[in-house]
Amino acid sequence: MSHEAEIRQFVVTAFAPDIPVDQLPADLDLLDTGIVDSLGLLRLIAWVGDRYHIPIEDQDISPLQFSSVTSIAAFVEGARSLV
C-alpha cells in the first residue's frame, strides 16, 4: 500500500468515517474543510511519526505539511530520505 493510500485510510478512519476512502481527494485541504482540527492535527502528526518511524521532534514542521493527503505523503518521503 502506498503512503498516500495509508494516509488516506487513516484520515478517513480517524476523522471522516462518513466519507468513503476512495472519495477523499488527495489534494483536499483537511484543515480548511474542518475534517482535521487543531487537536486532530496533533494526532495526525503523532500517527505519522509512529507509523513511518520519523522522529517528529527532530523535524521542522508546519501545518501546511499536514494540510492534505498529498502534502503529508510528501512530508513522509522527504523526512524518510533524511533518516
Protein backbone atom coordinates (compact mmCIF):
# COMPACT_ATOMS: atom_id res chain seq x y z
CA MET A 1 0.00 0.00 0.00
CA SER A 2 1.36 3.43 -0.92
CA HIS A 3 1.95 6.19 1.60
CA GLU A 4 -0.95 8.16 0.14
CA ALA A 5 -3.29 5.18 0.44
CA GLU A 6 -2.28 4.52 4.06
CA ILE A 7 -2.61 8.18 4.98
CA ARG A 8 -5.99 8.47 3.25
CA GLN A 9 -7.21 5.36 5.11
CA PHE A 10 -6.07 6.78 8.46
CA VAL A 11 -7.68 10.18 7.82
CA VAL A 12 -11.00 8.61 6.90
CA THR A 13 -10.95 6.17 9.81
CA ALA A 14 -9.90 8.74 12.41
CA PHE A 15 -11.59 11.92 11.22
CA ALA A 16 -14.15 11.33 8.47
CA PRO A 17 -15.77 7.90 8.78
CA ASP A 18 -18.76 9.08 6.73
CA ILE A 19 -16.58 9.65 3.63
CA PRO A 20 -15.69 6.58 1.53
CA VAL A 21 -11.90 6.22 1.32
CA ASP A 22 -11.92 6.35 -2.47
CA GLN A 23 -13.88 9.61 -2.41
CA LEU A 24 -11.44 11.61 -0.29
CA PRO A 25 -9.45 13.74 -2.76
CA ALA A 26 -5.72 13.60 -2.11
CA ASP A 27 -5.45 17.37 -2.50
CA LEU A 28 -8.43 18.29 -0.28
CA ASP A 29 -7.34 20.75 2.42
CA LEU A 30 -8.11 18.82 5.59
CA LEU A 31 -7.60 21.85 7.83
CA ASP A 32 -9.63 24.41 5.87
CA THR A 33 -12.54 21.99 5.47
CA GLY A 34 -12.55 21.20 9.19
CA ILE A 35 -12.01 17.48 8.70
CA VAL A 36 -8.93 17.84 10.92
CA ASP A 37 -8.98 20.41 13.72
CA SER A 38 -6.06 21.57 15.87
CA LEU A 39 -6.21 18.57 18.21
CA GLY A 40 -6.66 16.29 15.22
CA LEU A 41 -3.56 17.82 13.67
CA LEU A 42 -1.54 16.80 16.72
CA ARG A 43 -2.99 13.29 16.50
CA LEU A 44 -2.18 13.13 12.78
CA ILE A 45 1.41 14.30 13.34
CA ALA A 46 1.89 11.73 16.11
CA TRP A 47 0.48 8.95 13.91
CA VAL A 48 2.77 9.88 11.00
CA GLY A 49 5.78 9.82 13.34
CA ASP A 50 4.84 6.45 14.79
CA ARG A 51 3.74 4.80 11.55
CA TYR A 52 6.72 5.87 9.47
CA HIS A 53 9.33 5.91 12.25
CA ILE A 54 10.03 9.61 11.81
CA PRO A 55 11.42 11.39 14.87
CA ILE A 56 8.94 14.27 14.74
CA GLU A 57 10.75 16.24 17.44
CA ASP A 58 13.76 16.43 15.10
CA GLN A 59 11.68 17.77 12.20
CA ASP A 60 10.89 21.35 11.31
CA ILE A 61 7.18 21.02 10.62
CA SER A 62 4.30 23.33 9.79
CA PRO A 63 0.55 22.78 9.45
CA LEU A 64 0.88 23.21 5.68
CA GLN A 65 2.83 19.96 5.53
CA PHE A 66 -0.20 18.20 7.02
CA SER A 67 -2.95 20.02 5.15
CA SER A 68 -3.73 17.27 2.61
CA VAL A 69 -3.04 13.62 1.96
CA THR A 70 -0.64 14.66 -0.81
CA SER A 71 1.30 17.08 1.40
CA ILE A 72 1.54 14.53 4.22
CA ALA A 73 2.88 11.89 1.81
CA ALA A 74 5.44 14.40 0.53
CA PHE A 75 6.49 15.16 4.11
CA VAL A 76 6.91 11.44 4.81
CA GLU A 77 9.02 10.93 1.69
CA GLY A 78 11.19 13.95 2.50
CA ALA A 79 11.66 13.03 6.16
CA ARG A 80 12.44 9.41 5.41
CA SER A 81 15.09 10.43 2.89
CA LEU A 82 16.88 12.26 5.72
CA VAL A 83 16.86 9.28 8.10
